[in-house]
Structures are given as structure tokens and as C-alpha cells.
């Protein structure tokens, strides 16, 4: 079974080797047809503490690393505005 890959924005990098990534998705309401934005936060493992808040990243599913962490950093897509890489 392939591992899931999600893309989102880092909202917190305060915990050592952990980032919190907010992933947004859009879906159509089944009755009214209006598009709704829903978001969810995932805790992901960042071994090198490379990511900062505001960056766009991709995360991949992995084995459980702690009570909350079931994802790990795959790649950094875009740096945060005003932060040098």
C-alpha cells in the first residue's frame, strides 16, 4: 500500500525535531453544492529542525514516532516570506 503524501503550511516549529503542518482541502457540500474549505493539523518529524513557520512543505506517512507524530518531512517546497533558506 503506498504511503500518503500531503502538502501544507508549517504553523509551529517550537518543539524539538517536530513541526505542526496545517493541511487544507476543499470539498463540495453534498446537498448545497457550495465548496467548503476544511483544514487539519498534523505533527510531523523534522530530523534537522530545518523548517520554520510559514514554509510550504510536503509530509509523508510513516510509522508512529510518538503519541501524535505519524508523519515525517518529505521536502520543503517554498520558504517562508522574509526567511532565508
PDB file of N, CA and C in Angstrom:
ATOM      1  N   UNK A   1       0.842  -1.177   0.000  1.00  0.00           N
ATOM      2  CA  UNK A   1       0.000   0.000   0.000  1.00  0.00           C
ATOM      3  C   UNK A   1       0.887   1.239   0.000  1.00  0.00           C
ATOM      4  N   UNK A   2       0.661   2.181  -0.923  1.00  0.00           N
ATOM      5  CA  UNK A   2       1.514   3.369  -0.993  1.00  0.00           C
ATOM      6  C   UNK A   2       1.266   4.309   0.182  1.00  0.00           C
ATOM      7  N   UNK A   3       2.306   5.042   0.532  1.00  0.00           N
ATOM      8  CA  UNK A   3       2.203   5.997   1.629  1.00  0.00           C
ATOM      9  C   UNK A   3       1.555   7.280   1.123  1.00  0.00           C
ATOM     10  N   UNK A   4       0.732   7.882   1.965  1.00  0.00           N
ATOM     11  CA  UNK A   4       0.071   9.129   1.601  1.00  0.00           C
ATOM     12  C   UNK A   4       1.056  10.298   1.708  1.00  0.00           C
ATOM     13  N   UNK A   5       0.923  11.247   0.806  1.00  0.00           N
ATOM     14  CA  UNK A   5       1.739  12.457   0.812  1.00  0.00           C
ATOM     15  C   UNK A   5       0.793  13.649   0.842  1.00  0.00           C
ATOM     16  N   UNK A   6       1.028  14.579   1.785  1.00  0.00           N
ATOM     17  CA  UNK A   6       0.201  15.765   1.918  1.00  0.00           C
ATOM     18  C   UNK A   6       1.067  17.010   1.819  1.00  0.00           C
ATOM     19  N   UNK A   7       0.466  18.114   1.376  1.00  0.00           N
ATOM     20  CA  UNK A   7       1.177  19.386   1.284  1.00  0.00           C
ATOM     21  C   UNK A   7       0.449  20.397   2.156  1.00  0.00           C
ATOM     22  N   UNK A   8       1.222  21.171   2.917  1.00  0.00           N
ATOM     23  CA  UNK A   8       0.618  22.160   3.796  1.00  0.00           C
ATOM     24  C   UNK A   8       1.614  23.209   4.238  1.00  0.00           C
ATOM     25  N   UNK A   9       1.176  24.028   5.182  1.00  0.00           N
ATOM     26  CA  UNK A   9       1.977  25.148   5.674  1.00  0.00           C
ATOM     27  C   UNK A   9       2.359  24.877   7.123  1.00  0.00           C
ATOM     28  N   UNK A  10       3.629  25.127   7.455  1.00  0.00           N
ATOM     29  CA  UNK A  10       4.108  24.946   8.824  1.00  0.00           C
ATOM     30  C   UNK A  10       3.530  26.073   9.681  1.00  0.00           C
ATOM     31  N   UNK A  11       2.817  25.696  10.755  1.00  0.00           N
ATOM     32  CA  UNK A  11       2.252  26.706  11.658  1.00  0.00           C
ATOM     33  C   UNK A  11       3.036  26.804  12.957  1.00  0.00           C
ATOM     34  N   UNK A  12       3.833  25.769  13.283  1.00  0.00           N
ATOM     35  CA  UNK A  12       4.631  25.817  14.509  1.00  0.00           C
ATOM     36  C   UNK A  12       5.871  24.949  14.344  1.00  0.00           C
ATOM     37  N   UNK A  13       6.991  25.450  14.884  1.00  0.00           N
ATOM     38  CA  UNK A  13       8.237  24.677  14.881  1.00  0.00           C
ATOM     39  C   UNK A  13       8.905  24.772  16.256  1.00  0.00           C
ATOM     40  N   UNK A  14       8.111  24.947  17.299  1.00  0.00           N
ATOM     41  CA  UNK A  14       8.647  25.203  18.636  1.00  0.00           C
ATOM     42  C   UNK A  14       9.174  23.958  19.332  1.00  0.00           C
ATOM     43  N   UNK A  15       8.623  22.783  19.007  1.00  0.00           N
ATOM     44  CA  UNK A  15       9.050  21.548  19.652  1.00  0.00           C
ATOM     45  C   UNK A  15      10.280  21.006  18.918  1.00  0.00           C
ATOM     46  N   UNK A  16      11.235  20.436  19.653  1.00  0.00           N
ATOM     47  CA  UNK A  16      12.456  19.915  19.055  1.00  0.00           C
ATOM     48  C   UNK A  16      12.141  18.763  18.098  1.00  0.00           C
ATOM     49  N   UNK A  17      12.656  18.859  16.858  1.00  0.00           N
ATOM     50  CA  UNK A  17      12.502  17.848  15.816  1.00  0.00           C
ATOM     51  C   UNK A  17      11.049  17.571  15.440  1.00  0.00           C
ATOM     52  N   UNK A  18      10.172  18.544  15.670  1.00  0.00           N
ATOM     53  CA  UNK A  18       8.755  18.387  15.330  1.00  0.00           C
ATOM     54  C   UNK A  18       8.245  19.673  14.698  1.00  0.00           C
ATOM     55  N   UNK A  19       7.420  19.524  13.667  1.00  0.00           N
ATOM     56  CA  UNK A  19       6.712  20.658  13.078  1.00  0.00           C
ATOM     57  C   UNK A  19       5.227  20.334  13.067  1.00  0.00           C
ATOM     58  N   UNK A  20       4.414  21.370  13.134  1.00  0.00           N
ATOM     59  CA  UNK A  20       2.973  21.214  13.014  1.00  0.00           C
ATOM     60  C   UNK A  20       2.581  21.792  11.660  1.00  0.00           C
ATOM     61  N   UNK A  21       1.956  20.961  10.822  1.00  0.00           N
ATOM     62  CA  UNK A  21       1.634  21.337   9.449  1.00  0.00           C
ATOM     63  C   UNK A  21       0.118  21.416   9.300  1.00  0.00           C
ATOM     64  N   UNK A  22      -0.362  22.541   8.782  1.00  0.00           N
ATOM     65  CA  UNK A  22      -1.788  22.725   8.538  1.00  0.00           C
ATOM     66  C   UNK A  22      -2.061  22.387   7.067  1.00  0.00           C
ATOM     67  N   UNK A  23      -2.912  21.383   6.855  1.00  0.00           N
ATOM     68  CA  UNK A  23      -3.248  20.932   5.505  1.00  0.00           C
ATOM     69  C   UNK A  23      -4.690  21.319   5.228  1.00  0.00           C
ATOM     70  N   UNK A  24      -4.910  22.068   4.140  1.00  0.00           N
ATOM     71  CA  UNK A  24      -6.262  22.476   3.756  1.00  0.00           C
ATOM     72  C   UNK A  24      -6.749  21.629   2.595  1.00  0.00           C
ATOM     73  N   UNK A  25      -8.047  21.340   2.616  1.00  0.00           N
ATOM     74  CA  UNK A  25      -8.655  20.641   1.495  1.00  0.00           C
ATOM     75  C   UNK A  25      -9.982  21.307   1.179  1.00  0.00           C
ATOM     76  N   UNK A  26     -10.417  21.174  -0.063  1.00  0.00           N
ATOM     77  CA  UNK A  26     -11.702  21.729  -0.491  1.00  0.00           C
ATOM     78  C   UNK A  26     -12.597  20.590  -0.923  1.00  0.00           C
ATOM     79  N   UNK A  27     -13.853  20.665  -0.506  1.00  0.00           N
ATOM     80  CA  UNK A  27     -14.802  19.661  -0.963  1.00  0.00           C
ATOM     81  C   UNK A  27     -16.146  20.331  -1.199  1.00  0.00           C
ATOM     82  N   UNK A  28     -16.958  19.684  -2.006  1.00  0.00           N
ATOM     83  CA  UNK A  28     -18.263  20.214  -2.367  1.00  0.00           C
ATOM     84  C   UNK A  28     -19.308  19.674  -1.395  1.00  0.00           C
ATOM     85  N   UNK A  29     -20.139  20.564  -0.861  1.00  0.00           N
ATOM     86  CA  UNK A  29     -21.197  20.136   0.049  1.00  0.00           C
ATOM     87  C   UNK A  29     -22.174  19.238  -0.714  1.00  0.00           C
ATOM     88  N   UNK A  30     -22.531  18.075  -0.141  1.00  0.00           N
ATOM     89  CA  UNK A  30     -23.347  17.118  -0.894  1.00  0.00           C
ATOM     90  C   UNK A  30     -24.743  17.622  -1.256  1.00  0.00           C
ATOM     91  N   UNK A  31     -25.334  18.490  -0.443  1.00  0.00           N
ATOM     92  CA  UNK A  31     -26.682  18.968  -0.724  1.00  0.00           C
ATOM     93  C   UNK A  31     -26.693  20.325  -1.405  1.00  0.00           C
ATOM     94  N   UNK A  32     -25.922  21.278  -0.875  1.00  0.00           N
ATOM     95  CA  UNK A  32     -26.000  22.657  -1.357  1.00  0.00           C
ATOM     96  C   UNK A  32     -25.035  22.965  -2.479  1.00  0.00           C
ATOM     97  N   UNK A  33     -24.034  22.138  -2.689  1.00  0.00           N
ATOM     98  CA  UNK A  33     -23.129  22.336  -3.814  1.00  0.00           C
ATOM     99  C   UNK A  33     -22.066  23.394  -3.598  1.00  0.00           C
ATOM    100  N   UNK A  34     -22.047  24.025  -2.428  1.00  0.00           N
ATOM    101  CA  UNK A  34     -21.055  25.058  -2.152  1.00  0.00           C
ATOM    102  C   UNK A  34     -19.727  24.392  -1.805  1.00  0.00           C
ATOM    103  N   UNK A  35     -18.623  24.987  -2.254  1.00  0.00           N
ATOM    104  CA  UNK A  35     -17.301  24.465  -1.914  1.00  0.00           C
ATOM    105  C   UNK A  35     -16.894  24.947  -0.527  1.00  0.00           C
ATOM    106  N   UNK A  36     -16.423  24.026   0.292  1.00  0.00           N
ATOM    107  CA  UNK A  36     -16.071  24.305   1.674  1.00  0.00           C
ATOM    108  C   UNK A  36     -14.593  24.034   1.873  1.00  0.00           C
ATOM    109  N   UNK A  37     -13.919  24.942   2.601  1.00  0.00           N
ATOM    110  CA  UNK A  37     -12.512  24.739   2.949  1.00  0.00           C
ATOM    111  C   UNK A  37     -12.433  24.132   4.333  1.00  0.00           C
ATOM    112  N   UNK A  38     -11.774  23.005   4.446  1.00  0.00           N
ATOM    113  CA  UNK A  38     -11.578  22.363   5.741  1.00  0.00           C
ATOM    114  C   UNK A  38     -10.085  22.189   5.949  1.00  0.00           C
ATOM    115  N   UNK A  39      -9.636  22.318   7.193  1.00  0.00           N
ATOM    116  CA  UNK A  39      -8.210  22.167   7.465  1.00  0.00           C
ATOM    117  C   UNK A  39      -8.008  21.241   8.644  1.00  0.00           C
ATOM    118  N   UNK A  40      -6.824  20.638   8.684  1.00  0.00           N
ATOM    119  CA  UNK A  40      -6.453  19.744   9.770  1.00  0.00           C
ATOM    120  C   UNK A  40      -4.965  19.923  10.027  1.00  0.00           C
ATOM    121  N   UNK A  41      -4.555  19.786  11.294  1.00  0.00           N
ATOM    122  CA  UNK A  41      -3.150  19.931  11.656  1.00  0.00           C
ATOM    123  C   UNK A  41      -2.537  18.568  11.906  1.00  0.00           C
ATOM    124  N   UNK A  42      -1.336  18.370  11.389  1.00  0.00           N
ATOM    125  CA  UNK A  42      -0.595  17.128  11.563  1.00  0.00           C
ATOM    126  C   UNK A  42       0.749  17.441  12.210  1.00  0.00           C
ATOM    127  N   UNK A  43       1.168  16.613  13.165  1.00  0.00           N
ATOM    128  CA  UNK A  43       2.511  16.709  13.744  1.00  0.00           C
ATOM    129  C   UNK A  43       3.434  15.847  12.897  1.00  0.00           C
ATOM    130  N   UNK A  44       4.552  16.412  12.460  1.00  0.00           N
ATOM    131  CA  UNK A  44       5.474  15.698  11.585  1.00  0.00           C
ATOM    132  C   UNK A  44       6.892  15.765  12.139  1.00  0.00           C
ATOM    133  N   UNK A  45       7.669  14.733  11.862  1.00  0.00           N
ATOM    134  CA  UNK A  45       9.052  14.644  12.330  1.00  0.00           C
ATOM    135  C   UNK A  45       9.959  15.422  11.382  1.00  0.00           C
ATOM    136  N   UNK A  46      10.769  16.315  11.943  1.00  0.00           N
ATOM    137  CA  UNK A  46      11.733  17.123  11.188  1.00  0.00           C
ATOM    138  C   UNK A  46      13.099  16.904  11.840  1.00  0.00           C
ATOM    139  N   UNK A  47      13.840  15.931  11.348  1.00  0.00           N
ATOM    140  CA  UNK A  47      15.089  15.482  11.979  1.00  0.00           C
ATOM    141  C   UNK A  47      16.103  16.604  12.169  1.00  0.00           C
ATOM    142  N   UNK A  48      16.243  17.500  11.172  1.00  0.00           N
ATOM    143  CA  UNK A  48      17.287  18.525  11.206  1.00  0.00           C
ATOM    144  C   UNK A  48      16.798  19.884  11.727  1.00  0.00           C
ATOM    145  N   UNK A  49      15.558  19.961  12.171  1.00  0.00           N
ATOM    146  CA  UNK A  49      14.963  21.242  12.565  1.00  0.00           C
ATOM    147  C   UNK A  49      15.141  22.282  11.454  1.00  0.00           C
ATOM    148  N   UNK A  50      14.899  21.867  10.221  1.00  0.00           N
ATOM    149  CA  UNK A  50      15.162  22.710   9.057  1.00  0.00           C
ATOM    150  C   UNK A  50      14.035  23.694   8.762  1.00  0.00           C
ATOM    151  N   UNK A  51      12.812  23.359   9.089  1.00  0.00           N
ATOM    152  CA  UNK A  51      11.657  24.164   8.693  1.00  0.00           C
ATOM    153  C   UNK A  51      11.328  25.241   9.713  1.00  0.00           C
ATOM    154  N   UNK A  52      10.831  26.351   9.189  1.00  0.00           N
ATOM    155  CA  UNK A  52      10.375  27.458  10.023  1.00  0.00           C
ATOM    156  C   UNK A  52       8.903  27.709   9.736  1.00  0.00           C
ATOM    157  N   UNK A  53       8.239  28.404  10.637  1.00  0.00           N
ATOM    158  CA  UNK A  53       6.818  28.702  10.473  1.00  0.00           C
ATOM    159  C   UNK A  53       6.590  29.514   9.198  1.00  0.00           C
ATOM    160  N   UNK A  54       5.542  29.172   8.461  1.00  0.00           N
ATOM    161  CA  UNK A  54       5.196  29.870   7.230  1.00  0.00           C
ATOM    162  C   UNK A  54       5.662  29.181   5.970  1.00  0.00           C
ATOM    163  N   UNK A  55       6.533  28.196   6.079  1.00  0.00           N
ATOM    164  CA  UNK A  55       7.020  27.489   4.897  1.00  0.00           C
ATOM    165  C   UNK A  55       5.987  26.491   4.395  1.00  0.00           C
ATOM    166  N   UNK A  56       6.009  26.248   3.094  1.00  0.00           N
ATOM    167  CA  UNK A  56       5.176  25.215   2.490  1.00  0.00           C
ATOM    168  C   UNK A  56       6.011  23.946   2.389  1.00  0.00           C
ATOM    169  N   UNK A  57       5.470  22.837   2.906  1.00  0.00           N
ATOM    170  CA  UNK A  57       6.219  21.583   2.950  1.00  0.00           C
ATOM    171  C   UNK A  57       5.338  20.424   2.485  1.00  0.00           C
ATOM    172  N   UNK A  58       6.006  19.305   2.183  1.00  0.00           N
ATOM    173  CA  UNK A  58       5.310  18.058   1.883  1.00  0.00           C
ATOM    174  C   UNK A  58       5.676  17.064   2.976  1.00  0.00           C
ATOM    175  N   UNK A  59       4.665  16.335   3.483  1.00  0.00           N
ATOM    176  CA  UNK A  59       4.894  15.341   4.520  1.00  0.00           C
ATOM    177  C   UNK A  59       4.403  13.992   4.028  1.00  0.00           C
ATOM    178  N   UNK A  60       5.021  12.926   4.548  1.00  0.00           N
ATOM    179  CA  UNK A  60       4.683  11.571   4.127  1.00  0.00           C
ATOM    180  C   UNK A  60       4.365  10.731   5.356  1.00  0.00           C
ATOM    181  N   UNK A  61       3.453   9.802   5.189  1.00  0.00           N
ATOM    182  CA  UNK A  61       3.039   8.914   6.264  1.00  0.00           C
ATOM    183  C   UNK A  61       4.201   8.019   6.675  1.00  0.00           C
ATOM    184  N   UNK A  62       4.307   7.716   7.978  1.00  0.00           N
ATOM    185  CA  UNK A  62       5.376   6.846   8.468  1.00  0.00           C
ATOM    186  C   UNK A  62       4.881   6.075   9.683  1.00  0.00           C
ATOM    187  N   UNK A  63       5.754   5.270  10.244  1.00  0.00           N
ATOM    188  CA  UNK A  63       5.403   4.532  11.457  1.00  0.00           C
ATOM    189  C   UNK A  63       5.210   5.519  12.604  1.00  0.00           C
ATOM    190  N   UNK A  64       4.456   5.153  13.637  1.00  0.00           N
ATOM    191  CA  UNK A  64       4.279   6.064  14.769  1.00  0.00           C
ATOM    192  C   UNK A  64       5.605   6.348  15.480  1.00  0.00           C
ATOM    193  N   UNK A  65       5.948   7.620  15.624  1.00  0.00           N
ATOM    194  CA  UNK A  65       7.180   8.015  16.299  1.00  0.00           C
ATOM    195  C   UNK A  65       6.907   8.483  17.730  1.00  0.00           C
ATOM    196  N   UNK A  66       5.689   8.913  18.003  1.00  0.00           N
ATOM    197  CA  UNK A  66       5.281   9.307  19.351  1.00  0.00           C
ATOM    198  C   UNK A  66       3.755   9.258  19.389  1.00  0.00           C
ATOM    199  N   UNK A  67       3.189   9.786  20.461  1.00  0.00           N
ATOM    200  CA  UNK A  67       1.736   9.733  20.606  1.00  0.00           C
ATOM    201  C   UNK A  67       1.023  10.488  19.478  1.00  0.00           C
ATOM    202  N   UNK A  68       1.612  11.583  19.003  1.00  0.00           N
ATOM    203  CA  UNK A  68       0.968  12.400  17.978  1.00  0.00           C
ATOM    204  C   UNK A  68       1.626  12.309  16.605  1.00  0.00           C
ATOM    205  N   UNK A  69       2.899  11.954  16.545  1.00  0.00           N
ATOM    206  CA  UNK A  69       3.628  12.005  15.271  1.00  0.00           C
ATOM    207  C   UNK A  69       3.500  10.705  14.486  1.00  0.00           C
ATOM    208  N   UNK A  70       2.832  10.806  13.328  1.00  0.00           N
ATOM    209  CA  UNK A  70       2.726   9.684  12.400  1.00  0.00           C
ATOM    210  C   UNK A  70       3.125  10.107  10.984  1.00  0.00           C
ATOM    211  N   UNK A  71       3.747  11.258  10.869  1.00  0.00           N
ATOM    212  CA  UNK A  71       4.167  11.815   9.579  1.00  0.00           C
ATOM    213  C   UNK A  71       5.613  12.276   9.703  1.00  0.00           C
ATOM    214  N   UNK A  72       6.310  12.346   8.572  1.00  0.00           N
ATOM    215  CA  UNK A  72       7.668  12.894   8.569  1.00  0.00           C
ATOM    216  C   UNK A  72       7.842  13.801   7.368  1.00  0.00           C
ATOM    217  N   UNK A  73       8.783  14.726   7.495  1.00  0.00           N
ATOM    218  CA  UNK A  73       9.039  15.718   6.453  1.00  0.00           C
ATOM    219  C   UNK A  73       9.607  15.026   5.218  1.00  0.00           C
ATOM    220  N   UNK A  74       9.016  15.308   4.062  1.00  0.00           N
ATOM    221  CA  UNK A  74       9.497  14.761   2.795  1.00  0.00           C
ATOM    222  C   UNK A  74      10.341  15.798   2.064  1.00  0.00           C
ATOM    223  N   UNK A  75       9.810  17.011   1.900  1.00  0.00           N
ATOM    224  CA  UNK A  75      10.570  18.064   1.223  1.00  0.00           C
ATOM    225  C   UNK A  75      10.015  19.434   1.589  1.00  0.00           C
ATOM    226  N   UNK A  76      10.848  20.431   1.392  1.00  0.00           N
ATOM    227  CA  UNK A  76      10.445  21.828   1.578  1.00  0.00           C
ATOM    228  C   UNK A  76      10.140  22.395   0.209  1.00  0.00           C
ATOM    229  N   UNK A  77       8.921  22.880   0.016  1.00  0.00           N
ATOM    230  CA  UNK A  77       8.516  23.393  -1.297  1.00  0.00           C
ATOM    231  C   UNK A  77       8.873  24.869  -1.466  1.00  0.00           C
ATOM    232  N   UNK A  78       8.427  25.694  -0.512  1.00  0.00           N
ATOM    233  CA  UNK A  78       8.678  27.141  -0.579  1.00  0.00           C
ATOM    234  C   UNK A  78       9.078  27.644   0.784  1.00  0.00           C
ATOM    235  N   UNK A  79      10.040  28.554   0.805  1.00  0.00           N
ATOM    236  CA  UNK A  79      10.474  29.153   2.065  1.00  0.00           C
ATOM    237  C   UNK A  79       9.445  30.178   2.512  1.00  0.00           C
ATOM    238  N   UNK A  80       9.442  30.475   3.785  1.00  0.00           N
ATOM    239  CA  UNK A  80       8.534  31.485   4.334  1.00  0.00           C
ATOM    240  C   UNK A  80       8.962  32.858   3.843  1.00  0.00           C
ATOM    241  N   UNK A  81       8.021  33.773   3.634  1.00  0.00           N
ATOM    242  CA  UNK A  81       8.393  35.110   3.212  1.00  0.00           C
ATOM    243  C   UNK A  81       9.228  35.808   4.278  1.00  0.00           C
ATOM    244  N   UNK A  82      10.352  36.374   3.858  1.00  0.00           N
ATOM    245  CA  UNK A  82      11.223  37.087   4.784  1.00  0.00           C
ATOM    246  C   UNK A  82      12.218  36.197   5.534  1.00  0.00           C
ATOM    247  N   UNK A  83      12.223  34.886   5.240  1.00  0.00           N
ATOM    248  CA  UNK A  83      13.161  33.968   5.900  1.00  0.00           C
ATOM    249  C   UNK A  83      14.099  33.400   4.842  1.00  0.00           C
ATOM    250  N   UNK A  84      15.386  33.519   5.085  1.00  0.00           N
ATOM    251  CA  UNK A  84      16.359  32.995   4.131  1.00  0.00           C
ATOM    252  C   UNK A  84      16.591  31.515   4.381  1.00  0.00           C
ATOM    253  N   UNK A  85      16.813  30.759   3.316  1.00  0.00           N
ATOM    254  CA  UNK A  85      16.995  29.307   3.434  1.00  0.00           C
ATOM    255  C   UNK A  85      18.374  28.948   3.897  1.00  0.00           C
TER     256      UNK A  85
END
